Each structure stands twice: as C-alpha cells, then as structure tokens.
Amino acid sequence: MTLCLFDLDGTLIDSEPGITACIRYAFDKLGVPAPADLRPWTGSLLRHGFAAPLGHGAKRIEGAVD
C-alpha cells in the first residue's frame, strides 16, 4: 500500500482563488463586507480571521466557518 500526501497550500497548485472565493461567500451570506485583501487569510485559521470582522461572536464565527 502506498500513501501519497499532497500539500495544496500553494506549493503544487494556486489554491488562493478558491479559498478567497469561499471567504467572500461566507461574508456575503452573513451580510458583512469582506476585507479588501484576503491574501493573509490563506493558510491561517479561519476562526481567527473571522473574529474581528464579526465582532468576536462565537455563533457568527462558527456560522462563517460552516
């Protein structure tokens, strides 16, 4: 049995467009304007990124991550 693992954080593919589109979608669904620059969000914990823009509300943060 052979196990292959792929690191998809920009090493093999450019995952940034898909990640930032999903973050924008979450903000749109919550009715909150997305930050202009979402590049720092790539590779970071979403819960930390959503905390300040969503007022640190645990339910709103979890809703955005879901």
PDB file of N, CA and C in Angstrom:
ATOM      1  N   MET A   1       0.842  -1.175   0.000  1.00  0.00           N
ATOM      2  CA  MET A   1       0.000   0.000   0.000  1.00  0.00           C
ATOM      3  C   MET A   1       0.888   1.239   0.000  1.00  0.00           C
ATOM      4  N   THR A   2       0.583   2.163  -0.888  1.00  0.00           N
ATOM      5  CA  THR A   2       1.325   3.410  -0.982  1.00  0.00           C
ATOM      6  C   THR A   2       0.413   4.562  -0.590  1.00  0.00           C
ATOM      7  N   LEU A   3       0.933   5.413   0.241  1.00  0.00           N
ATOM      8  CA  LEU A   3       0.181   6.591   0.669  1.00  0.00           C
ATOM      9  C   LEU A   3       0.836   7.823   0.080  1.00  0.00           C
ATOM     10  N   CYS A   4       0.055   8.639  -0.599  1.00  0.00           N
ATOM     11  CA  CYS A   4       0.560   9.884  -1.175  1.00  0.00           C
ATOM     12  C   CYS A   4      -0.175  11.046  -0.533  1.00  0.00           C
ATOM     13  N   LEU A   5       0.580  12.002  -0.039  1.00  0.00           N
ATOM     14  CA  LEU A   5       0.008  13.206   0.547  1.00  0.00           C
ATOM     15  C   LEU A   5       0.408  14.397  -0.309  1.00  0.00           C
ATOM     16  N   PHE A   6      -0.523  15.292  -0.519  1.00  0.00           N
ATOM     17  CA  PHE A   6      -0.248  16.481  -1.316  1.00  0.00           C
ATOM     18  C   PHE A   6      -0.488  17.723  -0.477  1.00  0.00           C
ATOM     19  N   ASP A   7       0.430  18.634  -0.543  1.00  0.00           N
ATOM     20  CA  ASP A   7       0.335  19.900   0.158  1.00  0.00           C
ATOM     21  C   ASP A   7      -0.244  20.921  -0.816  1.00  0.00           C
ATOM     22  N   LEU A   8      -1.500  21.302  -0.614  1.00  0.00           N
ATOM     23  CA  LEU A   8      -2.191  22.154  -1.576  1.00  0.00           C
ATOM     24  C   LEU A   8      -2.308  23.605  -1.096  1.00  0.00           C
ATOM     25  N   ASP A   9      -1.273  24.091  -0.433  1.00  0.00           N
ATOM     26  CA  ASP A   9      -1.312  25.468   0.063  1.00  0.00           C
ATOM     27  C   ASP A   9      -0.540  26.429  -0.826  1.00  0.00           C
ATOM     28  N   GLY A  10      -0.398  26.090  -2.062  1.00  0.00           N
ATOM     29  CA  GLY A  10       0.309  26.973  -2.979  1.00  0.00           C
ATOM     30  C   GLY A  10       1.590  26.373  -3.512  1.00  0.00           C
ATOM     31  N   THR A  11       2.016  25.259  -2.950  1.00  0.00           N
ATOM     32  CA  THR A  11       3.234  24.612  -3.410  1.00  0.00           C
ATOM     33  C   THR A  11       3.014  23.927  -4.751  1.00  0.00           C
ATOM     34  N   LEU A  12       1.951  23.152  -4.855  1.00  0.00           N
ATOM     35  CA  LEU A  12       1.665  22.415  -6.087  1.00  0.00           C
ATOM     36  C   LEU A  12       0.616  23.093  -6.956  1.00  0.00           C
ATOM     37  N   ILE A  13      -0.314  23.765  -6.329  1.00  0.00           N
ATOM     38  CA  ILE A  13      -1.373  24.464  -7.065  1.00  0.00           C
ATOM     39  C   ILE A  13      -1.592  25.832  -6.432  1.00  0.00           C
ATOM     40  N   ASP A  14      -2.239  26.716  -7.154  1.00  0.00           N
ATOM     41  CA  ASP A  14      -2.588  28.022  -6.607  1.00  0.00           C
ATOM     42  C   ASP A  14      -3.988  27.917  -6.018  1.00  0.00           C
ATOM     43  N   SER A  15      -4.075  27.669  -4.722  1.00  0.00           N
ATOM     44  CA  SER A  15      -5.361  27.478  -4.063  1.00  0.00           C
ATOM     45  C   SER A  15      -5.977  28.794  -3.586  1.00  0.00           C
ATOM     46  N   GLU A  16      -5.241  29.890  -3.684  1.00  0.00           N
ATOM     47  CA  GLU A  16      -5.734  31.174  -3.183  1.00  0.00           C
ATOM     48  C   GLU A  16      -7.076  31.604  -3.778  1.00  0.00           C
ATOM     49  N   PRO A  17      -7.291  31.509  -5.102  1.00  0.00           N
ATOM     50  CA  PRO A  17      -8.590  31.950  -5.641  1.00  0.00           C
ATOM     51  C   PRO A  17      -9.776  31.186  -5.048  1.00  0.00           C
ATOM     52  N   GLY A  18      -9.638  29.908  -4.851  1.00  0.00           N
ATOM     53  CA  GLY A  18     -10.733  29.121  -4.275  1.00  0.00           C
ATOM     54  C   GLY A  18     -10.973  29.454  -2.816  1.00  0.00           C
ATOM     55  N   ILE A  19      -9.891  29.641  -2.067  1.00  0.00           N
ATOM     56  CA  ILE A  19     -10.013  29.962  -0.649  1.00  0.00           C
ATOM     57  C   ILE A  19     -10.649  31.338  -0.466  1.00  0.00           C
ATOM     58  N   THR A  20     -10.156  32.326  -1.205  1.00  0.00           N
ATOM     59  CA  THR A  20     -10.696  33.681  -1.044  1.00  0.00           C
ATOM     60  C   THR A  20     -12.148  33.760  -1.530  1.00  0.00           C
ATOM     61  N   ALA A  21     -12.506  32.992  -2.552  1.00  0.00           N
ATOM     62  CA  ALA A  21     -13.902  32.975  -3.011  1.00  0.00           C
ATOM     63  C   ALA A  21     -14.813  32.422  -1.915  1.00  0.00           C
ATOM     64  N   CYS A  22     -14.370  31.405  -1.220  1.00  0.00           N
ATOM     65  CA  CYS A  22     -15.174  30.830  -0.135  1.00  0.00           C
ATOM     66  C   CYS A  22     -15.316  31.812   1.029  1.00  0.00           C
ATOM     67  N   ILE A  23     -14.256  32.542   1.331  1.00  0.00           N
ATOM     68  CA  ILE A  23     -14.322  33.533   2.404  1.00  0.00           C
ATOM     69  C   ILE A  23     -15.281  34.656   2.021  1.00  0.00           C
ATOM     70  N   ARG A  24     -15.193  35.133   0.783  1.00  0.00           N
ATOM     71  CA  ARG A  24     -16.122  36.174   0.316  1.00  0.00           C
ATOM     72  C   ARG A  24     -17.574  35.685   0.382  1.00  0.00           C
ATOM     73  N   TYR A  25     -17.792  34.429   0.001  1.00  0.00           N
ATOM     74  CA  TYR A  25     -19.129  33.834   0.047  1.00  0.00           C
ATOM     75  C   TYR A  25     -19.669  33.853   1.481  1.00  0.00           C
ATOM     76  N   ALA A  26     -18.828  33.477   2.440  1.00  0.00           N
ATOM     77  CA  ALA A  26     -19.262  33.466   3.844  1.00  0.00           C
ATOM     78  C   ALA A  26     -19.643  34.873   4.298  1.00  0.00           C
ATOM     79  N   PHE A  27     -18.820  35.855   3.960  1.00  0.00           N
ATOM     80  CA  PHE A  27     -19.151  37.231   4.329  1.00  0.00           C
ATOM     81  C   PHE A  27     -20.453  37.679   3.666  1.00  0.00           C
ATOM     82  N   ASP A  28     -20.621  37.352   2.394  1.00  0.00           N
ATOM     83  CA  ASP A  28     -21.859  37.713   1.690  1.00  0.00           C
ATOM     84  C   ASP A  28     -23.079  37.112   2.376  1.00  0.00           C
ATOM     85  N   LYS A  29     -22.994  35.841   2.749  1.00  0.00           N
ATOM     86  CA  LYS A  29     -24.120  35.160   3.388  1.00  0.00           C
ATOM     87  C   LYS A  29     -24.450  35.783   4.738  1.00  0.00           C
ATOM     88  N   LEU A  30     -23.436  36.327   5.422  1.00  0.00           N
ATOM     89  CA  LEU A  30     -23.657  36.957   6.716  1.00  0.00           C
ATOM     90  C   LEU A  30     -24.017  38.435   6.593  1.00  0.00           C
ATOM     91  N   GLY A  31     -23.977  38.961   5.372  1.00  0.00           N
ATOM     92  CA  GLY A  31     -24.298  40.357   5.160  1.00  0.00           C
ATOM     93  C   GLY A  31     -23.248  41.321   5.679  1.00  0.00           C
ATOM     94  N   VAL A  32     -22.006  40.861   5.692  1.00  0.00           N
ATOM     95  CA  VAL A  32     -20.889  41.674   6.183  1.00  0.00           C
ATOM     96  C   VAL A  32     -19.924  41.897   5.030  1.00  0.00           C
ATOM     97  N   PRO A  33     -19.444  43.118   4.827  1.00  0.00           N
ATOM     98  CA  PRO A  33     -18.475  43.348   3.747  1.00  0.00           C
ATOM     99  C   PRO A  33     -17.165  42.607   4.023  1.00  0.00           C
ATOM    100  N   ALA A  34     -16.654  41.958   3.009  1.00  0.00           N
ATOM    101  CA  ALA A  34     -15.380  41.244   3.137  1.00  0.00           C
ATOM    102  C   ALA A  34     -14.225  42.237   3.112  1.00  0.00           C
ATOM    103  N   PRO A  35     -13.146  41.944   3.846  1.00  0.00           N
ATOM    104  CA  PRO A  35     -11.958  42.795   3.761  1.00  0.00           C
ATOM    105  C   PRO A  35     -11.450  42.835   2.320  1.00  0.00           C
ATOM    106  N   ALA A  36     -10.839  43.947   1.935  1.00  0.00           N
ATOM    107  CA  ALA A  36     -10.351  44.102   0.561  1.00  0.00           C
ATOM    108  C   ALA A  36      -9.254  43.099   0.231  1.00  0.00           C
ATOM    109  N   ASP A  37      -8.354  42.855   1.159  1.00  0.00           N
ATOM    110  CA  ASP A  37      -7.232  41.947   0.911  1.00  0.00           C
ATOM    111  C   ASP A  37      -7.421  40.667   1.712  1.00  0.00           C
ATOM    112  N   LEU A  38      -7.701  39.584   1.025  1.00  0.00           N
ATOM    113  CA  LEU A  38      -7.908  38.302   1.698  1.00  0.00           C
ATOM    114  C   LEU A  38      -6.683  37.387   1.612  1.00  0.00           C
ATOM    115  N   ARG A  39      -5.607  37.855   0.993  1.00  0.00           N
ATOM    116  CA  ARG A  39      -4.411  37.010   0.887  1.00  0.00           C
ATOM    117  C   ARG A  39      -3.879  36.551   2.242  1.00  0.00           C
ATOM    118  N   PRO A  40      -3.876  37.410   3.283  1.00  0.00           N
ATOM    119  CA  PRO A  40      -3.381  36.938   4.578  1.00  0.00           C
ATOM    120  C   PRO A  40      -4.212  35.804   5.180  1.00  0.00           C
ATOM    121  N   TRP A  41      -5.441  35.631   4.701  1.00  0.00           N
ATOM    122  CA  TRP A  41      -6.304  34.575   5.219  1.00  0.00           C
ATOM    123  C   TRP A  41      -5.879  33.197   4.717  1.00  0.00           C
ATOM    124  N   THR A  42      -5.187  33.152   3.597  1.00  0.00           N
ATOM    125  CA  THR A  42      -4.762  31.879   3.021  1.00  0.00           C
ATOM    126  C   THR A  42      -3.727  31.237   3.933  1.00  0.00           C
ATOM    127  N   GLY A  43      -4.051  30.068   4.429  1.00  0.00           N
ATOM    128  CA  GLY A  43      -3.132  29.335   5.299  1.00  0.00           C
ATOM    129  C   GLY A  43      -3.303  29.645   6.773  1.00  0.00           C
ATOM    130  N   SER A  44      -4.159  30.597   7.125  1.00  0.00           N
ATOM    131  CA  SER A  44      -4.370  30.908   8.537  1.00  0.00           C
ATOM    132  C   SER A  44      -5.664  30.261   9.028  1.00  0.00           C
ATOM    133  N   LEU A  45      -5.869  30.295  10.319  1.00  0.00           N
ATOM    134  CA  LEU A  45      -7.090  29.727  10.889  1.00  0.00           C
ATOM    135  C   LEU A  45      -8.272  30.644  10.593  1.00  0.00           C
ATOM    136  N   LEU A  46      -9.304  30.096   9.998  1.00  0.00           N
ATOM    137  CA  LEU A  46     -10.467  30.898   9.633  1.00  0.00           C
ATOM    138  C   LEU A  46     -11.136  31.527  10.849  1.00  0.00           C
ATOM    139  N   ARG A  47     -11.193  30.795  11.943  1.00  0.00           N
ATOM    140  CA  ARG A  47     -11.844  31.338  13.135  1.00  0.00           C
ATOM    141  C   ARG A  47     -11.149  32.611  13.612  1.00  0.00           C
ATOM    142  N   HIS A  48      -9.839  32.650  13.528  1.00  0.00           N
ATOM    143  CA  HIS A  48      -9.101  33.854  13.926  1.00  0.00           C
ATOM    144  C   HIS A  48      -9.374  34.994  12.952  1.00  0.00           C
ATOM    145  N   GLY A  49      -9.412  34.702  11.677  1.00  0.00           N
ATOM    146  CA  GLY A  49      -9.661  35.725  10.676  1.00  0.00           C
ATOM    147  C   GLY A  49     -11.050  36.326  10.768  1.00  0.00           C
ATOM    148  N   PHE A  50     -12.049  35.483  11.034  1.00  0.00           N
ATOM    149  CA  PHE A  50     -13.425  35.955  11.109  1.00  0.00           C
ATOM    150  C   PHE A  50     -13.727  36.684  12.427  1.00  0.00           C
ATOM    151  N   ALA A  51     -12.920  36.494  13.455  1.00  0.00           N
ATOM    152  CA  ALA A  51     -13.231  37.020  14.788  1.00  0.00           C
ATOM    153  C   ALA A  51     -13.451  38.531  14.791  1.00  0.00           C
ATOM    154  N   ALA A  52     -12.489  39.298  14.368  1.00  0.00           N
ATOM    155  CA  ALA A  52     -12.616  40.764  14.435  1.00  0.00           C
ATOM    156  C   ALA A  52     -13.718  41.300  13.522  1.00  0.00           C
ATOM    157  N   PRO A  53     -13.772  40.890  12.243  1.00  0.00           N
ATOM    158  CA  PRO A  53     -14.835  41.437  11.387  1.00  0.00           C
ATOM    159  C   PRO A  53     -16.245  41.068  11.851  1.00  0.00           C
ATOM    160  N   LEU A  54     -16.370  39.984  12.595  1.00  0.00           N
ATOM    161  CA  LEU A  54     -17.701  39.550  13.052  1.00  0.00           C
ATOM    162  C   LEU A  54     -17.945  39.874  14.520  1.00  0.00           C
ATOM    163  N   GLY A  55     -17.133  40.754  15.088  1.00  0.00           N
ATOM    164  CA  GLY A  55     -17.359  41.194  16.462  1.00  0.00           C
ATOM    165  C   GLY A  55     -17.077  40.148  17.523  1.00  0.00           C
ATOM    166  N   HIS A  56     -16.263  39.162  17.212  1.00  0.00           N
ATOM    167  CA  HIS A  56     -15.852  38.112  18.151  1.00  0.00           C
ATOM    168  C   HIS A  56     -17.026  37.294  18.676  1.00  0.00           C
ATOM    169  N   GLY A  57     -18.144  37.307  17.966  1.00  0.00           N
ATOM    170  CA  GLY A  57     -19.307  36.495  18.376  1.00  0.00           C
ATOM    171  C   GLY A  57     -19.112  35.053  17.961  1.00  0.00           C
ATOM    172  N   ALA A  58     -19.077  34.168  18.937  1.00  0.00           N
ATOM    173  CA  ALA A  58     -18.784  32.761  18.680  1.00  0.00           C
ATOM    174  C   ALA A  58     -19.754  32.123  17.675  1.00  0.00           C
ATOM    175  N   LYS A  59     -21.061  32.410  17.809  1.00  0.00           N
ATOM    176  CA  LYS A  59     -22.048  31.814  16.894  1.00  0.00           C
ATOM    177  C   LYS A  59     -21.836  32.324  15.461  1.00  0.00           C
ATOM    178  N   ARG A  60     -21.549  33.613  15.308  1.00  0.00           N
ATOM    179  CA  ARG A  60     -21.329  34.172  13.976  1.00  0.00           C
ATOM    180  C   ARG A  60     -20.049  33.605  13.367  1.00  0.00           C
ATOM    181  N   ILE A  61     -19.018  33.459  14.173  1.00  0.00           N
ATOM    182  CA  ILE A  61     -17.746  32.895  13.685  1.00  0.00           C
ATOM    183  C   ILE A  61     -17.964  31.461  13.208  1.00  0.00           C
ATOM    184  N   GLU A  62     -18.634  30.660  14.013  1.00  0.00           N
ATOM    185  CA  GLU A  62     -18.889  29.267  13.626  1.00  0.00           C
ATOM    186  C   GLU A  62     -19.779  29.207  12.389  1.00  0.00           C
ATOM    187  N   GLY A  63     -20.743  30.113  12.275  1.00  0.00           N
ATOM    188  CA  GLY A  63     -21.588  30.165  11.090  1.00  0.00           C
ATOM    189  C   GLY A  63     -20.780  30.484   9.846  1.00  0.00           C
ATOM    190  N   ALA A  64     -19.823  31.396   9.979  1.00  0.00           N
ATOM    191  CA  ALA A  64     -18.972  31.741   8.837  1.00  0.00           C
ATOM    192  C   ALA A  64     -18.090  30.563   8.444  1.00  0.00           C
ATOM    193  N   VAL A  65     -17.536  29.869   9.417  1.00  0.00           N
ATOM    194  CA  VAL A  65     -16.677  28.713   9.125  1.00  0.00           C
ATOM    195  C   VAL A  65     -17.492  27.590   8.493  1.00  0.00           C
ATOM    196  N   ASP A  66     -18.699  27.372   9.002  1.00  0.00           N
ATOM    197  CA  ASP A  66     -19.564  26.330   8.420  1.00  0.00           C
ATOM    198  C   ASP A  66     -19.910  26.676   6.991  1.00  0.00           C
TER     199      ASP A  66
END
